[in-house]
């Protein structure tokens, strides 16, 4: 019996066109996510961990860590498969804004749009700049910024 060739699911640099959009699946943020992220990061800020304290803030309840939102956005983006086996490096996060809180029970997804590409032959690929818009279940943007990734060129 022959083996199945290992075909990459990812997109090569040449497949990225300015204006291309990719939407992720959605994910609901849970209490466990916040507690686990606090343990992983060491960020036990009362705004994230203390119900009583948080009720007295402008949010009226606990909020997820902003960087938890970034991490979830990253996971959702990777799960689309667009960079599987074809990413050379994650280069930069640019202009990231935390515009609204992510609350326990919010369901987020990411709309990604290619906004720039630049061929970098010496690296065997090119730079792709992707606008990342993290939206909640109401379609409201809660975080926004750009990723710059280096993607592999198609094999000759």
Protein backbone atom coordinates (compact mmCIF):
# COMPACT_ATOMS: atom_id res chain seq x y z
CA UNK A 1 0.00 0.00 0.00
CA UNK A 2 1.42 3.39 -0.99
CA UNK A 3 1.57 6.35 1.33
CA UNK A 4 -0.46 9.49 0.85
CA UNK A 5 1.81 12.39 -0.15
CA UNK A 6 2.15 15.10 2.47
CA UNK A 7 0.37 17.97 0.69
CA UNK A 8 0.52 21.32 2.42
CA UNK A 9 -2.82 22.95 3.25
CA UNK A 10 -1.21 26.36 3.46
CA UNK A 11 -1.22 29.11 0.90
CA UNK A 12 1.99 30.06 -0.86
CA UNK A 13 3.08 33.68 -1.13
CA UNK A 14 1.95 33.85 -4.76
CA UNK A 15 -1.60 32.92 -3.79
CA UNK A 16 -2.09 35.99 -1.59
CA UNK A 17 -3.78 38.88 -3.36
CA UNK A 18 -4.53 42.27 -1.84
CA UNK A 19 -8.20 42.25 -0.86
CA UNK A 20 -8.41 38.49 -0.25
CA UNK A 21 -10.53 37.81 2.87
CA UNK A 22 -10.49 34.78 5.12
CA UNK A 23 -12.97 34.42 7.98
CA UNK A 24 -12.32 32.08 10.88
CA UNK A 25 -14.64 29.86 12.83
CA UNK A 26 -15.97 31.30 16.10
CA UNK A 27 -14.97 30.47 19.66
CA UNK A 28 -16.74 31.26 22.92
CA UNK A 29 -14.57 32.68 25.70
CA UNK A 30 -15.12 30.81 28.96
CA UNK A 31 -14.35 31.30 32.63
CA UNK A 32 -11.80 28.50 32.27
CA UNK A 33 -10.04 30.38 29.45
CA UNK A 34 -9.55 33.42 31.70
CA UNK A 35 -8.38 31.38 34.69
CA UNK A 36 -6.01 29.29 32.56
CA UNK A 37 -4.59 32.37 30.83
CA UNK A 38 -4.00 34.03 34.22
CA UNK A 39 -2.11 30.94 35.34
CA UNK A 40 -0.08 30.75 32.15
CA UNK A 41 0.77 34.47 31.97
CA UNK A 42 0.92 35.27 35.68
CA UNK A 43 -1.52 38.15 35.12
CA UNK A 44 -3.93 37.97 38.06
CA UNK A 45 -5.18 41.55 37.71
CA UNK A 46 -8.40 41.99 39.70
CA UNK A 47 -10.21 43.21 36.57
CA UNK A 48 -9.86 39.65 35.24
CA UNK A 49 -10.09 37.64 38.45
CA UNK A 50 -12.23 39.41 41.05
CA UNK A 51 -16.02 39.51 40.50
CA UNK A 52 -16.73 41.98 43.29
CA UNK A 53 -14.00 44.39 42.25
CA UNK A 54 -14.98 44.17 38.57
CA UNK A 55 -18.63 45.01 39.27
CA UNK A 56 -17.41 48.45 40.39
CA UNK A 57 -15.57 49.15 37.12
CA UNK A 58 -16.84 50.73 33.91
CA UNK A 59 -17.35 47.19 32.56
CA UNK A 60 -19.57 46.03 35.45
CA UNK A 61 -18.08 42.54 35.30
CA UNK A 62 -14.83 40.67 34.79
CA UNK A 63 -13.22 40.96 31.38
CA UNK A 64 -10.88 38.65 29.53
CA UNK A 65 -7.23 39.61 29.30
CA UNK A 66 -6.57 41.63 26.16
CA UNK A 67 -3.69 39.33 25.30
CA UNK A 68 -6.01 36.34 25.68
CA UNK A 69 -7.98 37.87 22.81
CA UNK A 70 -4.79 38.12 20.74
CA UNK A 71 -3.92 34.50 21.53
CA UNK A 72 -7.39 33.26 20.62
CA UNK A 73 -7.27 35.27 17.37
CA UNK A 74 -3.97 33.59 16.57
CA UNK A 75 -5.38 30.13 17.21
CA UNK A 76 -8.47 30.81 15.13
CA UNK A 77 -6.31 32.11 12.27
CA UNK A 78 -4.04 29.05 12.37
CA UNK A 79 -7.05 26.73 12.37
CA UNK A 80 -8.09 28.05 8.94
CA UNK A 81 -5.01 26.27 7.56
CA UNK A 82 -3.90 29.16 5.34
CA UNK A 83 -0.37 29.14 6.75
CA UNK A 84 0.06 25.47 7.58
CA UNK A 85 3.45 24.27 6.31
CA UNK A 86 3.95 27.47 4.26
CA UNK A 87 4.71 30.10 6.91
CA UNK A 88 8.36 30.99 7.23
CA UNK A 89 7.99 33.32 10.22
CA UNK A 90 5.50 35.38 12.16
CA UNK A 91 7.24 38.74 11.89
CA UNK A 92 5.20 41.49 13.55
CA UNK A 93 1.97 42.67 15.10
CA UNK A 94 1.35 46.28 14.14
CA UNK A 95 -1.08 48.88 15.45
CA UNK A 96 -3.05 46.46 17.64
CA UNK A 97 -5.99 48.17 19.36
CA UNK A 98 -8.16 46.84 22.15
CA UNK A 99 -11.37 48.72 21.39
CA UNK A 100 -13.96 46.83 23.46
CA UNK A 101 -13.78 44.28 26.26
CA UNK A 102 -14.18 40.57 25.67
CA UNK A 103 -16.48 39.17 28.33
CA UNK A 104 -17.06 35.64 29.59
CA UNK A 105 -19.58 34.12 27.18
CA UNK A 106 -18.61 36.31 24.21
CA UNK A 107 -18.13 34.39 20.98
CA UNK A 108 -15.35 35.82 18.83
CA UNK A 109 -14.18 35.24 15.29
CA UNK A 110 -11.63 36.97 13.07
CA UNK A 111 -12.03 38.52 9.65
CA UNK A 112 -8.63 38.63 7.95
CA UNK A 113 -7.97 40.72 4.86
CA UNK A 114 -4.71 40.86 2.90
CA UNK A 115 -3.67 44.52 2.66
CA UNK A 116 -0.14 44.26 1.25
CA UNK A 117 2.34 41.80 -0.22
CA UNK A 118 6.03 42.13 -1.02
CA UNK A 119 8.12 39.50 -2.74
CA UNK A 120 11.37 38.71 -0.88
CA UNK A 121 13.26 36.33 -3.18
CA UNK A 122 16.30 36.06 -0.90
CA UNK A 123 14.02 34.47 1.73
CA UNK A 124 12.31 32.13 -0.74
CA UNK A 125 8.95 33.82 -0.39
CA UNK A 126 7.46 37.13 0.58
CA UNK A 127 5.92 39.34 3.22
CA UNK A 128 2.15 39.38 3.62
CA UNK A 129 0.41 42.03 5.71
CA UNK A 130 -2.98 40.94 7.00
CA UNK A 131 -5.58 43.20 8.59
CA UNK A 132 -6.99 41.31 11.58
CA UNK A 133 -10.43 42.28 12.88
CA UNK A 134 -11.60 40.37 15.95
CA UNK A 135 -15.37 40.58 16.24
CA UNK A 136 -17.80 39.46 18.91
CA UNK A 137 -21.12 37.67 18.43
CA UNK A 138 -22.81 40.97 17.55
CA UNK A 139 -20.33 41.69 14.75
CA UNK A 140 -18.72 44.46 16.82
CA UNK A 141 -14.96 44.84 16.49
CA UNK A 142 -13.30 44.22 19.86
CA UNK A 143 -9.65 44.11 18.74
CA UNK A 144 -7.99 45.16 15.53
CA UNK A 145 -4.53 45.39 14.03
CA UNK A 146 -2.22 43.95 11.42
CA UNK A 147 -0.08 40.85 11.25
CA UNK A 148 3.01 40.68 9.12
CA UNK A 149 3.99 37.14 8.18
CA UNK A 150 6.65 35.73 5.88
CA UNK A 151 5.23 33.09 3.56
CA UNK A 152 7.03 30.53 1.44
CA UNK A 153 7.00 30.74 -2.37
CA UNK A 154 5.52 27.93 -4.43
CA UNK A 155 8.05 25.24 -5.25
CA UNK A 156 9.44 25.43 -8.76
